[in-house]
Amino acid sequence: MAKANAGAKPRKGKIASGKLTFGFAVGAVAIIAAIVILIAIGYSQQNHNYVQAELGKDFQLSVNESAYIGSENLAVKFLGVKEDSRCPEGAMCIWAGRAVAAFALEKNGAGMGTVDIEAGKGITTDNGYVVELVELGPHAKVGERVDRGEYVATLRVSTQ
């Protein structure tokens, strides 16, 4: 006794004899590959949201924000304020105090380490970059404290 569908061919994209047809399998792989690529692009853009900066020119960073100097393939990230003992505005102090901020440096995608820089001063890296903390704001006022997340660093990066 012959089967009714013995001569019928399976349609493309349908399951035939417990196996996926070739066209369906290729399509599924292509869709999965496209999703993986889109996720990777989104992740890459999210984690490389830099402030664009130029060598020798001032730029500002908020806490946990990074700048990228494309001509040098150099990135600088403002990690936060380690110390702010500056005399508050409106107060009379014996000592002016100081403010120190921490930064992470990266060259060609490789970490160069972290540096602490005092406001109004700079450091020179082993690679010959001069990183200056031109200004750190806001400045505290009498009776008020500055939240660690409110700080903005004005930096300048140059070469020796």
N, C-alpha and C. Protein backbone atom coordinates (compact mmCIF):
# COMPACT_ATOMS: atom_id res chain seq x y z
N MET A 1 0.83 -1.17 0.00
CA MET A 1 0.00 0.00 0.00
C MET A 1 0.88 1.23 0.00
N ALA A 2 0.68 2.11 -0.97
CA ALA A 2 1.49 3.32 -1.11
C ALA A 2 0.95 4.42 -0.24
N LYS A 3 1.89 5.28 0.24
CA LYS A 3 1.49 6.43 1.07
C LYS A 3 0.98 7.53 0.16
N ALA A 4 0.03 8.30 0.64
CA ALA A 4 -0.59 9.35 -0.16
C ALA A 4 0.39 10.46 -0.48
N ASN A 5 1.34 10.78 0.41
CA ASN A 5 2.26 11.90 0.20
C ASN A 5 3.65 11.42 -0.22
N ALA A 6 3.77 10.21 -0.68
CA ALA A 6 5.08 9.65 -1.00
C ALA A 6 5.81 10.46 -2.06
N GLY A 7 5.12 11.03 -3.03
CA GLY A 7 5.78 11.77 -4.10
C GLY A 7 5.87 13.26 -3.83
N ALA A 8 5.26 13.71 -2.75
CA ALA A 8 5.24 15.15 -2.46
C ALA A 8 6.61 15.60 -1.94
N LYS A 9 7.06 16.78 -2.40
CA LYS A 9 8.32 17.34 -1.93
C LYS A 9 8.04 18.30 -0.77
N PRO A 10 8.93 18.30 0.21
CA PRO A 10 8.73 19.25 1.31
C PRO A 10 8.92 20.68 0.81
N ARG A 11 8.15 21.61 1.37
CA ARG A 11 8.27 23.01 1.00
C ARG A 11 9.46 23.64 1.70
N LYS A 12 10.08 24.61 1.06
CA LYS A 12 11.24 25.30 1.60
C LYS A 12 10.87 25.94 2.95
N GLY A 13 11.76 25.79 3.94
CA GLY A 13 11.53 26.40 5.23
C GLY A 13 10.68 25.56 6.15
N LYS A 14 10.29 24.41 5.73
CA LYS A 14 9.45 23.54 6.56
C LYS A 14 10.28 22.37 7.07
N ILE A 15 9.81 21.76 8.10
CA ILE A 15 10.48 20.59 8.65
C ILE A 15 10.13 19.40 7.78
N ALA A 16 11.18 18.69 7.30
CA ALA A 16 10.97 17.51 6.45
C ALA A 16 11.72 16.35 7.08
N SER A 17 11.01 15.33 7.40
CA SER A 17 11.60 14.12 7.99
C SER A 17 12.42 14.44 9.23
N GLY A 18 12.00 15.39 10.05
CA GLY A 18 12.68 15.71 11.30
C GLY A 18 13.91 16.58 11.14
N LYS A 19 14.22 17.06 9.94
CA LYS A 19 15.38 17.91 9.70
C LYS A 19 14.92 19.23 9.11
N LEU A 20 15.65 20.29 9.45
CA LEU A 20 15.35 21.58 8.85
C LEU A 20 15.90 21.62 7.44
N THR A 21 15.21 22.25 6.55
CA THR A 21 15.73 22.38 5.20
C THR A 21 16.90 23.36 5.22
N PHE A 22 17.75 23.29 4.24
CA PHE A 22 18.95 24.10 4.15
C PHE A 22 18.62 25.60 4.17
N GLY A 23 17.63 26.02 3.40
CA GLY A 23 17.27 27.44 3.32
C GLY A 23 16.84 28.01 4.66
N PHE A 24 16.09 27.24 5.41
CA PHE A 24 15.63 27.69 6.72
C PHE A 24 16.81 27.83 7.68
N ALA A 25 17.73 26.86 7.67
CA ALA A 25 18.88 26.88 8.57
C ALA A 25 19.78 28.08 8.27
N VAL A 26 20.04 28.36 7.01
CA VAL A 26 20.88 29.50 6.62
C VAL A 26 20.21 30.80 7.06
N GLY A 27 18.94 30.91 6.86
CA GLY A 27 18.21 32.11 7.27
C GLY A 27 18.28 32.33 8.78
N ALA A 28 18.12 31.26 9.55
CA ALA A 28 18.18 31.37 11.01
C ALA A 28 19.57 31.80 11.46
N VAL A 29 20.61 31.27 10.86
CA VAL A 29 21.99 31.64 11.21
C VAL A 29 22.23 33.12 10.86
N ALA A 30 21.73 33.55 9.73
CA ALA A 30 21.91 34.95 9.31
C ALA A 30 21.22 35.89 10.29
N ILE A 31 20.04 35.55 10.74
CA ILE A 31 19.31 36.39 11.69
C ILE A 31 20.05 36.45 13.02
N ILE A 32 20.53 35.33 13.50
CA ILE A 32 21.27 35.29 14.77
C ILE A 32 22.54 36.12 14.65
N ALA A 33 23.25 35.99 13.54
CA ALA A 33 24.48 36.75 13.33
C ALA A 33 24.19 38.25 13.32
N ALA A 34 23.12 38.67 12.67
CA ALA A 34 22.76 40.08 12.63
C ALA A 34 22.44 40.61 14.02
N ILE A 35 21.74 39.83 14.82
CA ILE A 35 21.40 40.25 16.19
C ILE A 35 22.67 40.41 17.02
N VAL A 36 23.59 39.47 16.92
CA VAL A 36 24.86 39.54 17.66
C VAL A 36 25.64 40.78 17.25
N ILE A 37 25.70 41.08 15.97
CA ILE A 37 26.42 42.25 15.49
C ILE A 37 25.78 43.54 16.01
N LEU A 38 24.47 43.62 15.96
CA LEU A 38 23.78 44.82 16.46
C LEU A 38 24.00 45.01 17.96
N ILE A 39 23.98 43.95 18.72
CA ILE A 39 24.24 44.04 20.16
C ILE A 39 25.66 44.52 20.40
N ALA A 40 26.61 43.97 19.67
CA ALA A 40 28.02 44.36 19.83
C ALA A 40 28.23 45.83 19.49
N ILE A 41 27.60 46.31 18.41
CA ILE A 41 27.73 47.71 18.03
C ILE A 41 27.13 48.60 19.11
N GLY A 42 25.97 48.25 19.62
CA GLY A 42 25.34 49.03 20.68
C GLY A 42 26.18 49.06 21.93
N TYR A 43 26.75 47.93 22.31
CA TYR A 43 27.60 47.85 23.50
C TYR A 43 28.85 48.69 23.30
N SER A 44 29.45 48.61 22.11
CA SER A 44 30.66 49.36 21.81
C SER A 44 30.40 50.86 21.89
N GLN A 45 29.31 51.33 21.30
CA GLN A 45 29.00 52.75 21.32
C GLN A 45 28.68 53.22 22.72
N GLN A 46 28.02 52.41 23.50
CA GLN A 46 27.65 52.78 24.85
C GLN A 46 28.90 52.94 25.73
N ASN A 47 29.88 52.08 25.56
CA ASN A 47 31.06 52.10 26.40
C ASN A 47 32.17 52.98 25.86
N HIS A 48 31.98 53.60 24.73
CA HIS A 48 32.98 54.49 24.17
C HIS A 48 32.36 55.85 23.86
N ASN A 49 31.61 56.35 24.79
CA ASN A 49 30.98 57.65 24.63
C ASN A 49 31.93 58.69 25.22
N TYR A 50 32.86 59.17 24.41
CA TYR A 50 33.89 60.08 24.86
C TYR A 50 33.56 61.53 24.53
N VAL A 51 34.08 62.43 25.37
CA VAL A 51 34.13 63.84 25.03
C VAL A 51 35.30 63.96 24.06
N GLN A 52 35.11 64.60 22.94
CA GLN A 52 36.19 64.78 21.98
C GLN A 52 37.07 65.94 22.44
N ALA A 53 38.37 65.71 22.55
CA ALA A 53 39.29 66.74 23.02
C ALA A 53 40.44 66.88 22.04
N GLU A 54 41.16 67.99 22.16
CA GLU A 54 42.31 68.24 21.30
C GLU A 54 43.54 68.48 22.14
N LEU A 55 44.65 68.05 21.62
CA LEU A 55 45.93 68.24 22.29
C LEU A 55 46.19 69.73 22.47
N GLY A 56 46.53 70.14 23.68
CA GLY A 56 46.87 71.53 23.96
C GLY A 56 45.69 72.44 24.26
N LYS A 57 44.46 71.91 24.19
CA LYS A 57 43.27 72.74 24.44
C LYS A 57 42.53 72.24 25.68
N ASP A 58 41.96 73.18 26.43
CA ASP A 58 41.20 72.83 27.64
C ASP A 58 39.93 72.07 27.28
N PHE A 59 39.57 71.10 28.13
CA PHE A 59 38.30 70.38 28.00
C PHE A 59 37.81 70.04 29.40
N GLN A 60 36.53 69.80 29.52
CA GLN A 60 35.92 69.51 30.82
C GLN A 60 35.36 68.10 30.87
N LEU A 61 35.51 67.50 32.07
CA LEU A 61 34.96 66.17 32.33
C LEU A 61 34.22 66.17 33.65
N SER A 62 33.08 65.51 33.67
CA SER A 62 32.38 65.23 34.92
C SER A 62 32.93 63.93 35.48
N VAL A 63 32.60 63.64 36.73
CA VAL A 63 33.06 62.40 37.35
C VAL A 63 32.59 61.20 36.52
N ASN A 64 33.47 60.26 36.29
CA ASN A 64 33.26 59.03 35.50
C ASN A 64 33.07 59.29 34.01
N GLU A 65 33.42 60.44 33.55
CA GLU A 65 33.34 60.76 32.12
C GLU A 65 34.75 60.67 31.53
N SER A 66 34.83 60.33 30.24
CA SER A 66 36.12 60.17 29.57
C SER A 66 36.22 61.11 28.38
N ALA A 67 37.46 61.50 28.08
CA ALA A 67 37.76 62.30 26.90
C ALA A 67 38.69 61.50 26.01
N TYR A 68 38.59 61.74 24.71
CA TYR A 68 39.44 61.05 23.74
C TYR A 68 40.13 62.08 22.87
N ILE A 69 41.46 61.99 22.81
CA ILE A 69 42.25 62.86 21.94
C ILE A 69 42.66 62.00 20.75
N GLY A 70 41.91 62.13 19.68
CA GLY A 70 42.06 61.25 18.52
C GLY A 70 43.43 61.30 17.88
N SER A 71 44.04 62.49 17.81
CA SER A 71 45.35 62.61 17.15
C SER A 71 46.43 61.81 17.88
N GLU A 72 46.19 61.51 19.15
CA GLU A 72 47.16 60.77 19.96
C GLU A 72 46.68 59.38 20.35
N ASN A 73 45.42 59.06 19.99
CA ASN A 73 44.79 57.81 20.42
C ASN A 73 44.93 57.65 21.94
N LEU A 74 44.59 58.74 22.64
CA LEU A 74 44.75 58.84 24.09
C LEU A 74 43.40 59.12 24.74
N ALA A 75 43.08 58.37 25.79
CA ALA A 75 41.84 58.58 26.54
C ALA A 75 42.18 58.93 27.98
N VAL A 76 41.38 59.84 28.55
CA VAL A 76 41.53 60.27 29.93
C VAL A 76 40.17 60.16 30.59
N LYS A 77 40.11 59.48 31.74
CA LYS A 77 38.85 59.33 32.48
C LYS A 77 38.99 59.98 33.85
N PHE A 78 38.00 60.81 34.21
CA PHE A 78 37.96 61.47 35.52
C PHE A 78 37.32 60.49 36.50
N LEU A 79 38.14 59.93 37.38
CA LEU A 79 37.67 58.92 38.33
C LEU A 79 36.98 59.53 39.55
N GLY A 80 37.39 60.72 39.94
CA GLY A 80 36.76 61.37 41.09
C GLY A 80 37.75 62.22 41.86
N VAL A 81 37.24 62.85 42.90
CA VAL A 81 38.05 63.73 43.74
C VAL A 81 38.52 62.95 44.96
N LYS A 82 39.82 62.96 45.19
CA LYS A 82 40.39 62.24 46.33
C LYS A 82 40.46 63.13 47.57
N GLU A 83 40.63 64.42 47.34
CA GLU A 83 40.75 65.36 48.46
C GLU A 83 40.28 66.74 48.02
N ASP A 84 39.55 67.42 48.87
CA ASP A 84 39.21 68.81 48.63
C ASP A 84 39.18 69.52 49.97
N SER A 85 40.32 70.06 50.32
CA SER A 85 40.45 70.78 51.60
C SER A 85 40.59 72.28 51.36
N ARG A 86 40.16 72.73 50.19
CA ARG A 86 40.26 74.16 49.87
C ARG A 86 39.38 74.98 50.79
N CYS A 87 39.85 76.15 51.10
CA CYS A 87 39.10 77.06 51.95
C CYS A 87 37.78 77.42 51.25
N PRO A 88 36.64 77.23 51.91
CA PRO A 88 35.35 77.56 51.27
C PRO A 88 35.23 79.05 50.95
N GLU A 89 34.51 79.35 49.89
CA GLU A 89 34.24 80.74 49.54
C GLU A 89 33.50 81.41 50.68
N GLY A 90 33.92 82.60 51.04
CA GLY A 90 33.27 83.35 52.11
C GLY A 90 33.86 83.09 53.48
N ALA A 91 34.89 82.26 53.56
CA ALA A 91 35.53 81.95 54.85
C ALA A 91 36.92 82.57 54.88
N MET A 92 37.41 82.82 56.09
CA MET A 92 38.79 83.28 56.27
C MET A 92 39.57 82.09 56.79
N CYS A 93 40.56 81.67 56.05
CA CYS A 93 41.34 80.49 56.40
C CYS A 93 42.81 80.84 56.52
N ILE A 94 43.51 80.11 57.37
CA ILE A 94 44.96 80.28 57.51
C ILE A 94 45.66 79.64 56.32
N TRP A 95 45.12 78.56 55.84
CA TRP A 95 45.71 77.81 54.73
C TRP A 95 44.70 77.73 53.59
N ALA A 96 45.17 77.89 52.38
CA ALA A 96 44.27 77.86 51.22
C ALA A 96 43.71 76.47 50.95
N GLY A 97 44.43 75.42 51.38
CA GLY A 97 44.00 74.05 51.13
C GLY A 97 44.36 73.61 49.73
N ARG A 98 43.91 72.42 49.40
CA ARG A 98 44.20 71.90 48.07
C ARG A 98 43.11 70.92 47.64
N ALA A 99 43.05 70.68 46.34
CA ALA A 99 42.11 69.70 45.79
C ALA A 99 42.91 68.76 44.90
N VAL A 100 42.65 67.45 45.05
CA VAL A 100 43.35 66.43 44.28
C VAL A 100 42.31 65.52 43.63
N ALA A 101 42.49 65.29 42.34
CA ALA A 101 41.57 64.42 41.59
C ALA A 101 42.35 63.27 40.97
N ALA A 102 41.65 62.16 40.74
CA ALA A 102 42.24 60.96 40.16
C ALA A 102 41.77 60.78 38.72
N PHE A 103 42.68 60.34 37.86
CA PHE A 103 42.39 60.13 36.45
C PHE A 103 43.02 58.83 35.98
N ALA A 104 42.35 58.15 35.06
CA ALA A 104 42.90 56.96 34.41
C ALA A 104 43.29 57.36 33.00
N LEU A 105 44.45 56.88 32.56
CA LEU A 105 44.94 57.19 31.22
C LEU A 105 45.06 55.91 30.41
N GLU A 106 44.76 56.02 29.11
CA GLU A 106 44.80 54.88 28.21
C GLU A 106 45.36 55.34 26.87
N LYS A 107 46.35 54.61 26.36
CA LYS A 107 46.96 54.94 25.07
C LYS A 107 46.86 53.73 24.16
N ASN A 108 46.34 53.91 22.96
CA ASN A 108 46.18 52.81 21.99
C ASN A 108 45.40 51.64 22.59
N GLY A 109 44.43 51.93 23.45
CA GLY A 109 43.60 50.89 24.04
C GLY A 109 44.22 50.19 25.23
N ALA A 110 45.45 50.54 25.59
CA ALA A 110 46.12 49.91 26.73
C ALA A 110 46.21 50.89 27.90
N GLY A 111 45.88 50.41 29.09
CA GLY A 111 45.93 51.26 30.26
C GLY A 111 47.33 51.73 30.58
N MET A 112 47.46 53.01 30.91
CA MET A 112 48.74 53.60 31.32
C MET A 112 48.78 53.77 32.84
N GLY A 113 47.69 53.43 33.50
CA GLY A 113 47.62 53.57 34.95
C GLY A 113 46.77 54.76 35.37
N THR A 114 46.75 55.00 36.67
CA THR A 114 46.01 56.13 37.21
C THR A 114 46.97 57.14 37.79
N VAL A 115 46.56 58.39 37.77
CA VAL A 115 47.38 59.48 38.30
C VAL A 115 46.52 60.37 39.17
N ASP A 116 47.13 60.92 40.21
CA ASP A 116 46.49 61.92 41.06
C ASP A 116 47.11 63.26 40.71
N ILE A 117 46.26 64.26 40.46
CA ILE A 117 46.75 65.58 40.08
C ILE A 117 46.11 66.62 40.98
N GLU A 118 46.93 67.51 41.48
CA GLU A 118 46.44 68.61 42.32
C GLU A 118 45.94 69.74 41.42
N ALA A 119 44.83 70.36 41.81
CA ALA A 119 44.26 71.46 41.03
C ALA A 119 45.29 72.57 40.86
N GLY A 120 45.40 73.06 39.64
CA GLY A 120 46.35 74.11 39.33
C GLY A 120 47.74 73.59 39.00
N LYS A 121 47.91 72.27 39.01
CA LYS A 121 49.21 71.67 38.72
C LYS A 121 49.05 70.61 37.64
N GLY A 122 50.14 69.96 37.32
CA GLY A 122 50.11 68.92 36.30
C GLY A 122 51.14 67.84 36.58
N ILE A 123 51.08 66.79 35.78
CA ILE A 123 52.04 65.70 35.87
C ILE A 123 52.54 65.40 34.45
N THR A 124 53.68 64.76 34.38
CA THR A 124 54.22 64.32 33.09
C THR A 124 54.26 62.80 33.10
N THR A 125 53.69 62.19 32.07
CA THR A 125 53.66 60.73 31.99
C THR A 125 54.97 60.21 31.40
N ASP A 126 55.17 58.91 31.50
CA ASP A 126 56.34 58.27 30.91
C ASP A 126 56.35 58.41 29.39
N ASN A 127 55.17 58.59 28.79
CA ASN A 127 55.05 58.73 27.34
C ASN A 127 55.29 60.17 26.87
N GLY A 128 55.57 61.08 27.82
CA GLY A 128 55.85 62.47 27.46
C GLY A 128 54.64 63.37 27.39
N TYR A 129 53.49 62.93 27.91
CA TYR A 129 52.31 63.79 27.95
C TYR A 129 52.30 64.58 29.24
N VAL A 130 51.91 65.84 29.14
CA VAL A 130 51.73 66.69 30.32
C VAL A 130 50.22 66.81 30.52
N VAL A 131 49.73 66.33 31.66
CA VAL A 131 48.31 66.38 31.97
C VAL A 131 48.14 67.38 33.11
N GLU A 132 47.42 68.47 32.81
CA GLU A 132 47.23 69.54 33.80
C GLU A 132 45.78 69.58 34.25
N LEU A 133 45.59 69.67 35.56
CA LEU A 133 44.26 69.91 36.12
C LEU A 133 44.14 71.42 36.28
N VAL A 134 43.64 72.07 35.25
CA VAL A 134 43.58 73.52 35.18
C VAL A 134 42.67 74.07 36.28
N GLU A 135 41.53 73.41 36.46
CA GLU A 135 40.56 73.89 37.45
C GLU A 135 39.68 72.72 37.89
N LEU A 136 39.23 72.79 39.13
CA LEU A 136 38.30 71.80 39.67
C LEU A 136 37.17 72.54 40.34
N GLY A 137 35.96 72.35 39.87
CA GLY A 137 34.81 73.05 40.43
C GLY A 137 33.71 72.06 40.75
N PRO A 138 32.69 72.44 41.42
CA PRO A 138 32.54 73.77 42.02
C PRO A 138 33.37 73.89 43.29
N HIS A 139 33.55 75.12 43.70
CA HIS A 139 34.27 75.43 44.93
C HIS A 139 33.24 75.50 46.05
N ALA A 140 33.51 74.85 47.16
CA ALA A 140 32.57 74.84 48.29
C ALA A 140 32.37 76.26 48.83
N LYS A 141 31.18 76.49 49.38
CA LYS A 141 30.86 77.76 50.04
C LYS A 141 30.69 77.49 51.53
N VAL A 142 30.80 78.54 52.31
CA VAL A 142 30.66 78.39 53.76
C VAL A 142 29.33 77.71 54.08
N GLY A 143 29.38 76.67 54.89
CA GLY A 143 28.18 75.96 55.31
C GLY A 143 27.63 74.96 54.31
N GLU A 144 28.26 74.82 53.17
CA GLU A 144 27.80 73.89 52.14
C GLU A 144 28.90 72.91 51.78
N ARG A 145 28.50 71.73 51.40
CA ARG A 145 29.45 70.71 50.93
C ARG A 145 29.18 70.44 49.46
N VAL A 146 30.21 70.04 48.77
CA VAL A 146 30.07 69.67 47.36
C VAL A 146 29.95 68.15 47.30
N ASP A 147 28.89 67.67 46.68
CA ASP A 147 28.70 66.24 46.48
C ASP A 147 29.77 65.75 45.51
N ARG A 148 30.31 64.58 45.76
CA ARG A 148 31.41 64.03 44.93
C ARG A 148 31.03 63.93 43.45
N GLY A 149 29.78 63.70 43.15
CA GLY A 149 29.34 63.59 41.76
C GLY A 149 29.16 64.91 41.05
N GLU A 150 29.23 66.03 41.78
CA GLU A 150 29.03 67.35 41.18
C GLU A 150 30.29 67.94 40.57
N TYR A 151 31.42 67.38 40.88
CA TYR A 151 32.68 67.97 40.43
C TYR A 151 32.84 67.92 38.91
N VAL A 152 33.47 68.95 38.39
CA VAL A 152 33.83 69.05 36.98
C VAL A 152 35.30 69.44 36.92
N ALA A 153 36.08 68.66 36.19
CA ALA A 153 37.51 68.93 36.04
C ALA A 153 37.76 69.57 34.68
N THR A 154 38.53 70.65 34.69
CA THR A 154 39.00 71.26 33.45
C THR A 154 40.44 70.83 33.28
N LEU A 155 40.70 70.14 32.18
CA LEU A 155 42.02 69.56 31.92
C LEU A 155 42.62 70.12 30.65
N ARG A 156 43.94 69.97 30.56
CA ARG A 156 44.66 70.25 29.32
C ARG A 156 45.74 69.20 29.19
N VAL A 157 45.81 68.56 28.03
CA VAL A 157 46.84 67.57 27.77
C VAL A 157 47.71 68.10 26.63
N SER A 158 49.02 68.07 26.86
CA SER A 158 49.96 68.53 25.82
C SER A 158 51.17 67.59 25.82
N THR A 159 52.10 67.83 24.93
CA THR A 159 53.31 67.04 24.90
C THR A 159 54.48 67.93 25.34
N GLN A 160 55.53 67.28 25.81
CA GLN A 160 56.71 68.02 26.26
C GLN A 160 57.41 68.67 25.11
